[in-house]
Amino acid sequence: MKYQCLTLFLLTGLLTGCSNTQSTQATDNDDNQALSELVADKGCDASFQCKVIGVGERQTCGGPSQYVVYSVRNVDESQVEQAALAITRQEQVLNQQTPPNDVCKQVLPIQALCINRQCQAITLK
C-alpha cells in the first residue's frame, strides 16, 4: 500500500509537469506568432529604419535563440521589445525546467539593411 501511494504521487507529479510544459510551449508558440505578426511589415525607406532584436535564450551557452528583423517605420519599437522580452522570459523558465543539452546551437548575429525597400537580414561572419 505504501508503494502504491508513492507511485501514485510520483505519477501525478510527472503528469502535472507534462501539462505545465505543454501549456508553456503553447504560450511560447502564441508569443512567437504574435511577434511574427507584429514585425511582418518590413517596408523601409532607408537602412536606419531597420532594426534587429535578440529573442529568447539559448540554454547551454546563453545569448539569444534567434534574431528578428523589423522596421521602425511600421511598428512601435516598445511593442517589439515587450514581445521579445516575453518570449525570452518563457524560454528562461523552460530552460530551468529541462536538463541542459551538451550541444550549443550556433546563432550568428545579423545586421538589418534596407534592400529593395524591405528590411532584410545580413548574417555577420
PDB file of N, CA and C in Angstrom:
ATOM      1  N   MET A   1       0.821  -1.195   0.000  1.00  0.00           N
ATOM      2  CA  MET A   1       0.000   0.000   0.000  1.00  0.00           C
ATOM      3  C   MET A   1       0.866   1.260   0.000  1.00  0.00           C
ATOM      4  N   LYS A   2       1.923   1.216   0.797  1.00  0.00           N
ATOM      5  CA  LYS A   2       2.812   2.360   0.892  1.00  0.00           C
ATOM      6  C   LYS A   2       3.452   2.659  -0.476  1.00  0.00           C
ATOM      7  N   TYR A   3       3.854   1.616  -1.204  1.00  0.00           N
ATOM      8  CA  TYR A   3       4.483   1.798  -2.512  1.00  0.00           C
ATOM      9  C   TYR A   3       3.470   2.262  -3.556  1.00  0.00           C
ATOM     10  N   GLN A   4       2.222   1.824  -3.421  1.00  0.00           N
ATOM     11  CA  GLN A   4       1.185   2.264  -4.356  1.00  0.00           C
ATOM     12  C   GLN A   4       0.927   3.762  -4.210  1.00  0.00           C
ATOM     13  N   CYS A   5       0.892   4.245  -2.971  1.00  0.00           N
ATOM     14  CA  CYS A   5       0.684   5.674  -2.725  1.00  0.00           C
ATOM     15  C   CYS A   5       1.855   6.481  -3.277  1.00  0.00           C
ATOM     16  N   LEU A   6       3.063   5.990  -3.054  1.00  0.00           N
ATOM     17  CA  LEU A   6       4.240   6.676  -3.550  1.00  0.00           C
ATOM     18  C   LEU A   6       4.238   6.718  -5.082  1.00  0.00           C
ATOM     19  N   THR A   7       3.888   5.591  -5.707  1.00  0.00           N
ATOM     20  CA  THR A   7       3.824   5.530  -7.172  1.00  0.00           C
ATOM     21  C   THR A   7       2.776   6.488  -7.702  1.00  0.00           C
ATOM     22  N   LEU A   8       1.617   6.511  -7.058  1.00  0.00           N
ATOM     23  CA  LEU A   8       0.543   7.411  -7.480  1.00  0.00           C
ATOM     24  C   LEU A   8       0.987   8.871  -7.347  1.00  0.00           C
ATOM     25  N   PHE A   9       1.663   9.183  -6.265  1.00  0.00           N
ATOM     26  CA  PHE A   9       2.152  10.542  -6.037  1.00  0.00           C
ATOM     27  C   PHE A   9       3.153  10.945  -7.123  1.00  0.00           C
ATOM     28  N   LEU A  10       4.088  10.044  -7.438  1.00  0.00           N
ATOM     29  CA  LEU A  10       5.096  10.351  -8.453  1.00  0.00           C
ATOM     30  C   LEU A  10       4.468  10.505  -9.836  1.00  0.00           C
ATOM     31  N   LEU A  11       3.527   9.644 -10.172  1.00  0.00           N
ATOM     32  CA  LEU A  11       2.852   9.750 -11.469  1.00  0.00           C
ATOM     33  C   LEU A  11       2.075  11.056 -11.596  1.00  0.00           C
ATOM     34  N   THR A  12       1.423  11.454 -10.514  1.00  0.00           N
ATOM     35  CA  THR A  12       0.680  12.719 -10.530  1.00  0.00           C
ATOM     36  C   THR A  12       1.627  13.882 -10.759  1.00  0.00           C
ATOM     37  N   GLY A  13       2.765  13.863 -10.096  1.00  0.00           N
ATOM     38  CA  GLY A  13       3.759  14.925 -10.280  1.00  0.00           C
ATOM     39  C   GLY A  13       4.303  14.962 -11.699  1.00  0.00           C
ATOM     40  N   LEU A  14       4.558  13.791 -12.277  1.00  0.00           N
ATOM     41  CA  LEU A  14       5.059  13.741 -13.650  1.00  0.00           C
ATOM     42  C   LEU A  14       4.025  14.259 -14.637  1.00  0.00           C
ATOM     43  N   LEU A  15       2.782  13.849 -14.457  1.00  0.00           N
ATOM     44  CA  LEU A  15       1.725  14.304 -15.364  1.00  0.00           C
ATOM     45  C   LEU A  15       1.501  15.803 -15.241  1.00  0.00           C
ATOM     46  N   THR A  16       1.580  16.322 -14.035  1.00  0.00           N
ATOM     47  CA  THR A  16       1.434  17.758 -13.837  1.00  0.00           C
ATOM     48  C   THR A  16       2.562  18.502 -14.523  1.00  0.00           C
ATOM     49  N   GLY A  17       3.779  17.975 -14.417  1.00  0.00           N
ATOM     50  CA  GLY A  17       4.917  18.588 -15.096  1.00  0.00           C
ATOM     51  C   GLY A  17       4.740  18.589 -16.597  1.00  0.00           C
ATOM     52  N   CYS A  18       4.187  17.515 -17.153  1.00  0.00           N
ATOM     53  CA  CYS A  18       3.951  17.451 -18.598  1.00  0.00           C
ATOM     54  C   CYS A  18       2.938  18.490 -19.027  1.00  0.00           C
ATOM     55  N   SER A  19       1.867  18.639 -18.265  1.00  0.00           N
ATOM     56  CA  SER A  19       0.850  19.612 -18.671  1.00  0.00           C
ATOM     57  C   SER A  19       1.386  21.031 -18.573  1.00  0.00           C
ATOM     58  N   ASN A  20       2.226  21.320 -17.585  1.00  0.00           N
ATOM     59  CA  ASN A  20       2.817  22.648 -17.479  1.00  0.00           C
ATOM     60  C   ASN A  20       3.753  22.927 -18.648  1.00  0.00           C
ATOM     61  N   THR A  21       4.530  21.925 -19.041  1.00  0.00           N
ATOM     62  CA  THR A  21       5.440  22.094 -20.165  1.00  0.00           C
ATOM     63  C   THR A  21       4.661  22.338 -21.442  1.00  0.00           C
ATOM     64  N   GLN A  22       3.582  21.585 -21.663  1.00  0.00           N
ATOM     65  CA  GLN A  22       2.779  21.762 -22.869  1.00  0.00           C
ATOM     66  C   GLN A  22       2.144  23.139 -22.902  1.00  0.00           C
ATOM     67  N   SER A  23       1.628  23.610 -21.774  1.00  0.00           N
ATOM     68  CA  SER A  23       0.997  24.929 -21.770  1.00  0.00           C
ATOM     69  C   SER A  23       2.036  26.028 -21.953  1.00  0.00           C
ATOM     70  N   THR A  24       3.240  25.843 -21.413  1.00  0.00           N
ATOM     71  CA  THR A  24       4.310  26.813 -21.619  1.00  0.00           C
ATOM     72  C   THR A  24       4.708  26.856 -23.080  1.00  0.00           C
ATOM     73  N   GLN A  25       4.819  25.686 -23.713  1.00  0.00           N
ATOM     74  CA  GLN A  25       5.181  25.636 -25.125  1.00  0.00           C
ATOM     75  C   GLN A  25       4.093  26.246 -25.990  1.00  0.00           C
ATOM     76  N   ALA A  26       2.824  26.009 -25.649  1.00  0.00           N
ATOM     77  CA  ALA A  26       1.726  26.593 -26.417  1.00  0.00           C
ATOM     78  C   ALA A  26       1.735  28.112 -26.297  1.00  0.00           C
ATOM     79  N   THR A  27       1.976  28.614 -25.092  1.00  0.00           N
ATOM     80  CA  THR A  27       2.050  30.062 -24.887  1.00  0.00           C
ATOM     81  C   THR A  27       3.239  30.637 -25.637  1.00  0.00           C
ATOM     82  N   ASP A  28       4.372  29.912 -25.617  1.00  0.00           N
ATOM     83  CA  ASP A  28       5.559  30.354 -26.332  1.00  0.00           C
ATOM     84  C   ASP A  28       5.276  30.437 -27.830  1.00  0.00           C
ATOM     85  N   ASN A  29       4.571  29.444 -28.373  1.00  0.00           N
ATOM     86  CA  ASN A  29       4.216  29.475 -29.788  1.00  0.00           C
ATOM     87  C   ASN A  29       3.294  30.645 -30.095  1.00  0.00           C
ATOM     88  N   ASP A  30       2.360  30.941 -29.204  1.00  0.00           N
ATOM     89  CA  ASP A  30       1.461  32.082 -29.386  1.00  0.00           C
ATOM     90  C   ASP A  30       2.247  33.389 -29.395  1.00  0.00           C
ATOM     91  N   ASP A  31       3.193  33.517 -28.486  1.00  0.00           N
ATOM     92  CA  ASP A  31       4.012  34.731 -28.418  1.00  0.00           C
ATOM     93  C   ASP A  31       4.893  34.867 -29.655  1.00  0.00           C
ATOM     94  N   ASN A  32       5.454  33.748 -30.130  1.00  0.00           N
ATOM     95  CA  ASN A  32       6.252  33.790 -31.354  1.00  0.00           C
ATOM     96  C   ASN A  32       5.393  34.216 -32.540  1.00  0.00           C
ATOM     97  N   GLN A  33       4.178  33.694 -32.605  1.00  0.00           N
ATOM     98  CA  GLN A  33       3.262  34.069 -33.679  1.00  0.00           C
ATOM     99  C   GLN A  33       2.899  35.549 -33.587  1.00  0.00           C
ATOM    100  N   ALA A  34       2.649  36.022 -32.380  1.00  0.00           N
ATOM    101  CA  ALA A  34       2.299  37.437 -32.182  1.00  0.00           C
ATOM    102  C   ALA A  34       3.457  38.341 -32.600  1.00  0.00           C
ATOM    103  N   LEU A  35       4.687  37.966 -32.247  1.00  0.00           N
ATOM    104  CA  LEU A  35       5.848  38.756 -32.642  1.00  0.00           C
ATOM    105  C   LEU A  35       6.016  38.738 -34.157  1.00  0.00           C
ATOM    106  N   SER A  36       5.835  37.587 -34.769  1.00  0.00           N
ATOM    107  CA  SER A  36       5.948  37.491 -36.230  1.00  0.00           C
ATOM    108  C   SER A  36       4.938  38.384 -36.929  1.00  0.00           C
ATOM    109  N   GLU A  37       3.712  38.392 -36.408  1.00  0.00           N
ATOM    110  CA  GLU A  37       2.678  39.243 -36.998  1.00  0.00           C
ATOM    111  C   GLU A  37       2.986  40.723 -36.776  1.00  0.00           C
ATOM    112  N   LEU A  38       3.543  41.029 -35.616  1.00  0.00           N
ATOM    113  CA  LEU A  38       3.871  42.413 -35.277  1.00  0.00           C
ATOM    114  C   LEU A  38       4.927  42.984 -36.218  1.00  0.00           C
ATOM    115  N   VAL A  39       5.906  42.175 -36.595  1.00  0.00           N
ATOM    116  CA  VAL A  39       7.018  42.654 -37.427  1.00  0.00           C
ATOM    117  C   VAL A  39       6.889  42.228 -38.886  1.00  0.00           C
ATOM    118  N   ALA A  40       5.703  41.785 -39.289  1.00  0.00           N
ATOM    119  CA  ALA A  40       5.510  41.257 -40.644  1.00  0.00           C
ATOM    120  C   ALA A  40       5.776  42.298 -41.726  1.00  0.00           C
ATOM    121  N   ASP A  41       5.372  43.544 -41.498  1.00  0.00           N
ATOM    122  CA  ASP A  41       5.583  44.589 -42.498  1.00  0.00           C
ATOM    123  C   ASP A  41       6.993  45.148 -42.329  1.00  0.00           C
ATOM    124  N   LYS A  42       7.889  44.735 -43.196  1.00  0.00           N
ATOM    125  CA  LYS A  42       9.294  45.131 -43.097  1.00  0.00           C
ATOM    126  C   LYS A  42       9.645  46.242 -44.085  1.00  0.00           C
ATOM    127  N   GLY A  43       8.654  46.974 -44.568  1.00  0.00           N
ATOM    128  CA  GLY A  43       8.891  48.052 -45.515  1.00  0.00           C
ATOM    129  C   GLY A  43       9.761  49.149 -44.923  1.00  0.00           C
ATOM    130  N   CYS A  44      10.634  49.727 -45.762  1.00  0.00           N
ATOM    131  CA  CYS A  44      11.544  50.773 -45.295  1.00  0.00           C
ATOM    132  C   CYS A  44      11.893  51.722 -46.431  1.00  0.00           C
ATOM    133  N   ASP A  45      12.366  52.899 -46.051  1.00  0.00           N
ATOM    134  CA  ASP A  45      12.867  53.880 -46.998  1.00  0.00           C
ATOM    135  C   ASP A  45      14.394  53.974 -46.927  1.00  0.00           C
ATOM    136  N   ALA A  46      14.958  53.634 -45.773  1.00  0.00           N
ATOM    137  CA  ALA A  46      16.407  53.707 -45.554  1.00  0.00           C
ATOM    138  C   ALA A  46      16.800  52.699 -44.471  1.00  0.00           C
ATOM    139  N   SER A  47      18.067  52.324 -44.446  1.00  0.00           N
ATOM    140  CA  SER A  47      18.545  51.296 -43.516  1.00  0.00           C
ATOM    141  C   SER A  47      18.414  51.690 -42.052  1.00  0.00           C
ATOM    142  N   PHE A  48      18.391  53.000 -41.745  1.00  0.00           N
ATOM    143  CA  PHE A  48      18.262  53.392 -40.333  1.00  0.00           C
ATOM    144  C   PHE A  48      16.904  52.990 -39.760  1.00  0.00           C
ATOM    145  N   GLN A  49      15.935  52.669 -40.601  1.00  0.00           N
ATOM    146  CA  GLN A  49      14.622  52.223 -40.136  1.00  0.00           C
ATOM    147  C   GLN A  49      14.605  50.727 -39.814  1.00  0.00           C
ATOM    148  N   CYS A  50      15.628  50.021 -40.185  1.00  0.00           N
ATOM    149  CA  CYS A  50      15.706  48.572 -39.966  1.00  0.00           C
ATOM    150  C   CYS A  50      16.458  48.270 -38.678  1.00  0.00           C
ATOM    151  N   LYS A  51      15.846  47.458 -37.844  1.00  0.00           N
ATOM    152  CA  LYS A  51      16.437  47.115 -36.545  1.00  0.00           C
ATOM    153  C   LYS A  51      16.489  45.597 -36.389  1.00  0.00           C
ATOM    154  N   VAL A  52      17.328  45.162 -35.475  1.00  0.00           N
ATOM    155  CA  VAL A  52      17.468  43.749 -35.123  1.00  0.00           C
ATOM    156  C   VAL A  52      17.296  43.636 -33.619  1.00  0.00           C
ATOM    157  N   ILE A  53      16.568  42.619 -33.183  1.00  0.00           N
ATOM    158  CA  ILE A  53      16.430  42.374 -31.749  1.00  0.00           C
ATOM    159  C   ILE A  53      16.669  40.893 -31.475  1.00  0.00           C
ATOM    160  N   GLY A  54      17.439  40.621 -30.418  1.00  0.00           N
ATOM    161  CA  GLY A  54      17.664  39.252 -29.979  1.00  0.00           C
ATOM    162  C   GLY A  54      16.458  38.773 -29.191  1.00  0.00           C
ATOM    163  N   VAL A  55      16.038  37.548 -29.479  1.00  0.00           N
ATOM    164  CA  VAL A  55      14.839  36.987 -28.849  1.00  0.00           C
ATOM    165  C   VAL A  55      15.183  35.619 -28.271  1.00  0.00           C
ATOM    166  N   GLY A  56      14.680  35.343 -27.087  1.00  0.00           N
ATOM    167  CA  GLY A  56      14.859  34.037 -26.474  1.00  0.00           C
ATOM    168  C   GLY A  56      16.189  33.910 -25.749  1.00  0.00           C
ATOM    169  N   GLU A  57      16.461  32.692 -25.300  1.00  0.00           N
ATOM    170  CA  GLU A  57      17.709  32.417 -24.591  1.00  0.00           C
ATOM    171  C   GLU A  57      18.146  30.995 -24.878  1.00  0.00           C
ATOM    172  N   ARG A  58      19.367  30.858 -25.380  1.00  0.00           N
ATOM    173  CA  ARG A  58      19.911  29.517 -25.602  1.00  0.00           C
ATOM    174  C   ARG A  58      20.266  28.922 -24.255  1.00  0.00           C
ATOM    175  N   GLN A  59      19.928  27.666 -24.085  1.00  0.00           N
ATOM    176  CA  GLN A  59      20.086  27.029 -22.788  1.00  0.00           C
ATOM    177  C   GLN A  59      21.544  26.779 -22.420  1.00  0.00           C
ATOM    178  N   THR A  60      22.303  26.200 -23.286  1.00  0.00           N
ATOM    179  CA  THR A  60      23.647  25.754 -22.935  1.00  0.00           C
ATOM    180  C   THR A  60      24.667  26.882 -22.893  1.00  0.00           C
ATOM    181  N   CYS A  61      24.617  27.771 -23.884  1.00  0.00           N
ATOM    182  CA  CYS A  61      25.696  28.750 -23.988  1.00  0.00           C
ATOM    183  C   CYS A  61      25.224  30.193 -23.882  1.00  0.00           C
ATOM    184  N   GLY A  62      23.971  30.416 -23.539  1.00  0.00           N
ATOM    185  CA  GLY A  62      23.469  31.775 -23.362  1.00  0.00           C
ATOM    186  C   GLY A  62      23.313  32.515 -24.673  1.00  0.00           C
ATOM    187  N   GLY A  63      22.895  33.750 -24.575  1.00  0.00           N
ATOM    188  CA  GLY A  63      22.648  34.549 -25.763  1.00  0.00           C
ATOM    189  C   GLY A  63      21.277  34.251 -26.350  1.00  0.00           C
ATOM    190  N   PRO A  64      20.837  35.052 -27.304  1.00  0.00           N
ATOM    191  CA  PRO A  64      19.503  34.861 -27.881  1.00  0.00           C
ATOM    192  C   PRO A  64      19.416  33.585 -28.710  1.00  0.00           C
ATOM    193  N   SER A  65      18.222  33.006 -28.766  1.00  0.00           N
ATOM    194  CA  SER A  65      17.996  31.811 -29.576  1.00  0.00           C
ATOM    195  C   SER A  65      17.684  32.173 -31.020  1.00  0.00           C
ATOM    196  N   GLN A  66      17.357  33.432 -31.267  1.00  0.00           N
ATOM    197  CA  GLN A  66      17.098  33.899 -32.625  1.00  0.00           C
ATOM    198  C   GLN A  66      17.217  35.421 -32.675  1.00  0.00           C
ATOM    199  N   TYR A  67      17.362  35.930 -33.863  1.00  0.00           N
ATOM    200  CA  TYR A  67      17.352  37.364 -34.091  1.00  0.00           C
ATOM    201  C   TYR A  67      16.180  37.677 -35.016  1.00  0.00           C
ATOM    202  N   VAL A  68      15.502  38.784 -34.743  1.00  0.00           N
ATOM    203  CA  VAL A  68      14.352  39.189 -35.538  1.00  0.00           C
ATOM    204  C   VAL A  68      14.610  40.570 -36.128  1.00  0.00           C
ATOM    205  N   VAL A  69      14.332  40.705 -37.424  1.00  0.00           N
ATOM    206  CA  VAL A  69      14.479  41.972 -38.129  1.00  0.00           C
ATOM    207  C   VAL A  69      13.104  42.621 -38.219  1.00  0.00           C
ATOM    208  N   TYR A  70      13.056  43.935 -37.998  1.00  0.00           N
ATOM    209  CA  TYR A  70      11.799  44.671 -38.121  1.00  0.00           C
ATOM    210  C   TYR A  70      12.079  46.094 -38.573  1.00  0.00           C
ATOM    211  N   SER A  71      11.011  46.759 -38.999  1.00  0.00           N
ATOM    212  CA  SER A  71      11.112  48.137 -39.465  1.00  0.00           C
ATOM    213  C   SER A  71      10.429  49.055 -38.457  1.00  0.00           C
ATOM    214  N   VAL A  72      11.154  50.059 -37.984  1.00  0.00           N
ATOM    215  CA  VAL A  72      10.565  51.008 -37.040  1.00  0.00           C
ATOM    216  C   VAL A  72       9.593  51.963 -37.728  1.00  0.00           C
ATOM    217  N   ARG A  73       9.601  51.967 -39.043  1.00  0.00           N
ATOM    218  CA  ARG A  73       8.646  52.793 -39.783  1.00  0.00           C
ATOM    219  C   ARG A  73       7.214  52.275 -39.596  1.00  0.00           C
ATOM    220  N   ASN A  74       7.091  50.984 -39.340  1.00  0.00           N
ATOM    221  CA  ASN A  74       5.782  50.351 -39.358  1.00  0.00           C
ATOM    222  C   ASN A  74       5.310  49.779 -38.026  1.00  0.00           C
ATOM    223  N   VAL A  75       6.116  49.871 -36.989  1.00  0.00           N
ATOM    224  CA  VAL A  75       5.742  49.260 -35.713  1.00  0.00           C
ATOM    225  C   VAL A  75       6.349  50.080 -34.571  1.00  0.00           C
ATOM    226  N   ASP A  76       5.664  50.058 -33.455  1.00  0.00           N
ATOM    227  CA  ASP A  76       6.168  50.710 -32.246  1.00  0.00           C
ATOM    228  C   ASP A  76       7.279  49.836 -31.660  1.00  0.00           C
ATOM    229  N   GLU A  77       8.461  50.383 -31.557  1.00  0.00           N
ATOM    230  CA  GLU A  77       9.626  49.640 -31.083  1.00  0.00           C
ATOM    231  C   GLU A  77       9.419  49.049 -29.695  1.00  0.00           C
ATOM    232  N   SER A  78       8.708  49.736 -28.833  1.00  0.00           N
ATOM    233  CA  SER A  78       8.478  49.221 -27.470  1.00  0.00           C
ATOM    234  C   SER A  78       7.597  47.971 -27.490  1.00  0.00           C
ATOM    235  N   GLN A  79       6.676  47.879 -28.443  1.00  0.00           N
ATOM    236  CA  GLN A  79       5.844  46.673 -28.551  1.00  0.00           C
ATOM    237  C   GLN A  79       6.695  45.475 -28.953  1.00  0.00           C
ATOM    238  N   VAL A  80       7.616  45.689 -29.876  1.00  0.00           N
ATOM    239  CA  VAL A  80       8.512  44.613 -30.305  1.00  0.00           C
ATOM    240  C   VAL A  80       9.384  44.179 -29.130  1.00  0.00           C
ATOM    241  N   GLU A  81       9.913  45.135 -28.390  1.00  0.00           N
ATOM    242  CA  GLU A  81      10.765  44.820 -27.239  1.00  0.00           C
ATOM    243  C   GLU A  81       9.991  44.043 -26.176  1.00  0.00           C
ATOM    244  N   GLN A  82       8.749  44.425 -25.918  1.00  0.00           N
ATOM    245  CA  GLN A  82       7.928  43.719 -24.929  1.00  0.00           C
ATOM    246  C   GLN A  82       7.631  42.293 -25.380  1.00  0.00           C
ATOM    247  N   ALA A  83       7.310  42.104 -26.658  1.00  0.00           N
ATOM    248  CA  ALA A  83       7.031  40.763 -27.176  1.00  0.00           C
ATOM    249  C   ALA A  83       8.280  39.892 -27.108  1.00  0.00           C
ATOM    250  N   ALA A  84       9.435  40.459 -27.459  1.00  0.00           N
ATOM    251  CA  ALA A  84      10.694  39.720 -27.397  1.00  0.00           C
ATOM    252  C   ALA A  84      11.045  39.356 -25.953  1.00  0.00           C
ATOM    253  N   LEU A  85      10.806  40.265 -25.036  1.00  0.00           N
ATOM    254  CA  LEU A  85      11.077  40.001 -23.622  1.00  0.00           C
ATOM    255  C   LEU A  85      10.179  38.888 -23.084  1.00  0.00           C
ATOM    256  N   ALA A  86       8.925  38.868 -23.500  1.00  0.00           N
ATOM    257  CA  ALA A  86       8.003  37.809 -23.057  1.00  0.00           C
ATOM    258  C   ALA A  86       8.496  36.441 -23.528  1.00  0.00           C
ATOM    259  N   ILE A  87       8.935  36.357 -24.771  1.00  0.00           N
ATOM    260  CA  ILE A  87       9.458  35.091 -25.299  1.00  0.00           C
ATOM    261  C   ILE A  87      10.724  34.695 -24.561  1.00  0.00           C
ATOM    262  N   THR A  88      11.603  35.652 -24.312  1.00  0.00           N
ATOM    263  CA  THR A  88      12.856  35.378 -23.607  1.00  0.00           C
ATOM    264  C   THR A  88      12.580  34.849 -22.202  1.00  0.00           C
ATOM    265  N   ARG A  89      11.656  35.469 -21.498  1.00  0.00           N
ATOM    266  CA  ARG A  89      11.323  35.004 -20.138  1.00  0.00           C
ATOM    267  C   ARG A  89      10.763  33.583 -20.162  1.00  0.00           C
ATOM    268  N   GLN A  90       9.919  33.290 -21.137  1.00  0.00           N
ATOM    269  CA  GLN A  90       9.358  31.941 -21.227  1.00  0.00           C
ATOM    270  C   GLN A  90      10.440  30.910 -21.530  1.00  0.00           C
ATOM    271  N   GLU A  91      11.370  31.258 -22.400  1.00  0.00           N
ATOM    272  CA  GLU A  91      12.459  30.332 -22.701  1.00  0.00           C
ATOM    273  C   GLU A  91      13.358  30.144 -21.483  1.00  0.00           C
ATOM    274  N   GLN A  92      13.560  31.192 -20.692  1.00  0.00           N
ATOM    275  CA  GLN A  92      14.361  31.062 -19.478  1.00  0.00           C
ATOM    276  C   GLN A  92      13.708  30.084 -18.505  1.00  0.00           C
ATOM    277  N   VAL A  93      12.395  30.183 -18.352  1.00  0.00           N
ATOM    278  CA  VAL A  93      11.664  29.263 -17.470  1.00  0.00           C
ATOM    279  C   VAL A  93      11.767  27.839 -17.997  1.00  0.00           C
ATOM    280  N   LEU A  94      11.555  27.673 -19.295  1.00  0.00           N
ATOM    281  CA  LEU A  94      11.641  26.346 -19.906  1.00  0.00           C
ATOM    282  C   LEU A  94      13.045  25.770 -19.757  1.00  0.00           C
ATOM    283  N   ASN A  95      14.065  26.591 -19.918  1.00  0.00           N
ATOM    284  CA  ASN A  95      15.445  26.131 -19.763  1.00  0.00           C
ATOM    285  C   ASN A  95      15.732  25.665 -18.343  1.00  0.00           C
ATOM    286  N   GLN A  96      15.122  26.306 -17.358  1.00  0.00           N
ATOM    287  CA  GLN A  96      15.322  25.912 -15.966  1.00  0.00           C
ATOM    288  C   GLN A  96      14.607  24.601 -15.650  1.00  0.00           C
ATOM    289  N   GLN A  97      13.544  24.296 -16.408  1.00  0.00           N
ATOM    290  CA  GLN A  97      12.758  23.091 -16.152  1.00  0.00           C
ATOM    291  C   GLN A  97      13.315  21.858 -16.858  1.00  0.00           C
ATOM    292  N   THR A  98      14.182  22.048 -17.839  1.00  0.00           N
ATOM    293  CA  THR A  98      14.696  20.920 -18.603  1.00  0.00           C
ATOM    294  C   THR A  98      16.196  20.772 -18.379  1.00  0.00           C
ATOM    295  N   PRO A  99      16.700  19.540 -18.451  1.00  0.00           N
ATOM    296  CA  PRO A  99      18.138  19.346 -18.275  1.00  0.00           C
ATOM    297  C   PRO A  99      18.900  19.963 -19.445  1.00  0.00           C
ATOM    298  N   PRO A 100      20.087  20.491 -19.175  1.00  0.00           N
ATOM    299  CA  PRO A 100      20.846  21.155 -20.237  1.00  0.00           C
ATOM    300  C   PRO A 100      21.325  20.178 -21.306  1.00  0.00           C
ATOM    301  N   ASN A 101      21.390  20.667 -22.525  1.00  0.00           N
ATOM    302  CA  ASN A 101      21.950  19.930 -23.651  1.00  0.00           C
ATOM    303  C   ASN A 101      23.460  20.068 -23.635  1.00  0.00           C
ATOM    304  N   ASP A 102      24.147  19.104 -24.219  1.00  0.00           N
ATOM    305  CA  ASP A 102      25.598  19.220 -24.359  1.00  0.00           C
ATOM    306  C   ASP A 102      25.957  20.040 -25.595  1.00  0.00           C
ATOM    307  N   VAL A 103      24.984  20.220 -26.486  1.00  0.00           N
ATOM    308  CA  VAL A 103      25.243  20.897 -27.751  1.00  0.00           C
ATOM    309  C   VAL A 103      24.784  22.347 -27.662  1.00  0.00           C
ATOM    310  N   CYS A 104      25.657  23.245 -28.102  1.00  0.00           N
ATOM    311  CA  CYS A 104      25.315  24.657 -28.134  1.00  0.00           C
ATOM    312  C   CYS A 104      24.945  25.014 -29.568  1.00  0.00           C
ATOM    313  N   LYS A 105      23.687  25.329 -29.797  1.00  0.00           N
ATOM    314  CA  LYS A 105      23.224  25.696 -31.135  1.00  0.00           C
ATOM    315  C   LYS A 105      23.794  27.064 -31.496  1.00  0.00           C
ATOM    316  N   GLN A 106      24.505  27.117 -32.611  1.00  0.00           N
ATOM    317  CA  GLN A 106      25.121  28.371 -33.035  1.00  0.00           C
ATOM    318  C   GLN A 106      24.073  29.274 -33.664  1.00  0.00           C
ATOM    319  N   VAL A 107      24.003  30.514 -33.212  1.00  0.00           N
ATOM    320  CA  VAL A 107      23.126  31.528 -33.777  1.00  0.00           C
ATOM    321  C   VAL A 107      24.000  32.726 -34.112  1.00  0.00           C
ATOM    322  N   LEU A 108      24.200  32.939 -35.399  1.00  0.00           N
ATOM    323  CA  LEU A 108      25.064  34.038 -35.820  1.00  0.00           C
ATOM    324  C   LEU A 108      24.336  35.365 -35.720  1.00  0.00           C
ATOM    325  N   PRO A 109      25.028  36.396 -35.257  1.00  0.00           N
ATOM    326  CA  PRO A 109      24.410  37.719 -35.212  1.00  0.00           C
ATOM    327  C   PRO A 109      24.138  38.223 -36.632  1.00  0.00           C
ATOM    328  N   ILE A 110      23.131  39.069 -36.763  1.00  0.00           N
ATOM    329  CA  ILE A 110      22.773  39.607 -38.066  1.00  0.00           C
ATOM    330  C   ILE A 110      22.714  41.126 -38.010  1.00  0.00           C
ATOM    331  N   GLN A 111      22.754  41.712 -39.170  1.00  0.00           N
ATOM    332  CA  GLN A 111      22.580  43.145 -39.323  1.00  0.00           C
ATOM    333  C   GLN A 111      21.391  43.333 -40.254  1.00  0.00           C
ATOM    334  N   ALA A 112      20.630  44.385 -40.056  1.00  0.00           N
ATOM    335  CA  ALA A 112      19.473  44.656 -40.911  1.00  0.00           C
ATOM    336  C   ALA A 112      19.789  45.822 -41.840  1.00  0.00           C
ATOM    337  N   LEU A 113      19.488  45.621 -43.108  1.00  0.00           N
ATOM    338  CA  LEU A 113      19.678  46.661 -44.115  1.00  0.00           C
ATOM    339  C   LEU A 113      18.402  46.803 -44.938  1.00  0.00           C
ATOM    340  N   CYS A 114      18.169  48.001 -45.432  1.00  0.00           N
ATOM    341  CA  CYS A 114      17.033  48.255 -46.306  1.00  0.00           C
ATOM    342  C   CYS A 114      17.471  47.958 -47.742  1.00  0.00           C
ATOM    343  N   ILE A 115      16.970  46.881 -48.292  1.00  0.00           N
ATOM    344  CA  ILE A 115      17.303  46.466 -49.648  1.00  0.00           C
ATOM    345  C   ILE A 115      15.993  46.294 -50.412  1.00  0.00           C
ATOM    346  N   ASN A 116      15.870  46.983 -51.533  1.00  0.00           N
ATOM    347  CA  ASN A 116      14.639  46.949 -52.327  1.00  0.00           C
ATOM    348  C   ASN A 116      13.418  47.330 -51.493  1.00  0.00           C
ATOM    349  N   ARG A 117      13.596  48.338 -50.631  1.00  0.00           N
ATOM    350  CA  ARG A 117      12.534  48.896 -49.788  1.00  0.00           C
ATOM    351  C   ARG A 117      11.967  47.894 -48.773  1.00  0.00           C
ATOM    352  N   GLN A 118      12.777  46.898 -48.411  1.00  0.00           N
ATOM    353  CA  GLN A 118      12.403  45.916 -47.396  1.00  0.00           C
ATOM    354  C   GLN A 118      13.581  45.708 -46.448  1.00  0.00           C
ATOM    355  N   CYS A 119      13.304  45.666 -45.151  1.00  0.00           N
ATOM    356  CA  CYS A 119      14.355  45.353 -44.185  1.00  0.00           C
ATOM    357  C   CYS A 119      14.725  43.873 -44.339  1.00  0.00           C
ATOM    358  N   GLN A 120      16.011  43.628 -44.522  1.00  0.00           N
ATOM    359  CA  GLN A 120      16.480  42.260 -44.730  1.00  0.00           C
ATOM    360  C   GLN A 120      17.652  41.974 -43.809  1.00  0.00           C
ATOM    361  N   ALA A 121      17.762  40.712 -43.423  1.00  0.00           N
ATOM    362  CA  ALA A 121      18.841  40.275 -42.532  1.00  0.00           C
ATOM    363  C   ALA A 121      20.081  39.931 -43.333  1.00  0.00           C
ATOM    364  N   ILE A 122      21.216  40.416 -42.861  1.00  0.00           N
ATOM    365  CA  ILE A 122      22.512  40.088 -43.424  1.00  0.00           C
ATOM    366  C   ILE A 122      23.305  39.412 -42.301  1.00  0.00           C
ATOM    367  N   THR A 123      23.689  38.157 -42.514  1.00  0.00           N
ATOM    368  CA  THR A 123      24.432  37.413 -41.490  1.00  0.00           C
ATOM    369  C   THR A 123      25.853  37.927 -41.388  1.00  0.00           C
ATOM    370  N   LEU A 124      26.275  38.223 -40.176  1.00  0.00           N
ATOM    371  CA  LEU A 124      27.652  38.663 -39.905  1.00  0.00           C
ATOM    372  C   LEU A 124      28.501  37.430 -39.663  1.00  0.00           C
ATOM    373  N   LYS A 125      29.633  37.363 -40.341  1.00  0.00           N
ATOM    374  CA  LYS A 125      30.507  36.185 -40.187  1.00  0.00           C
ATOM    375  C   LYS A 125      31.826  36.566 -39.591  1.00  0.00           C
TER     376      LYS A 125
END
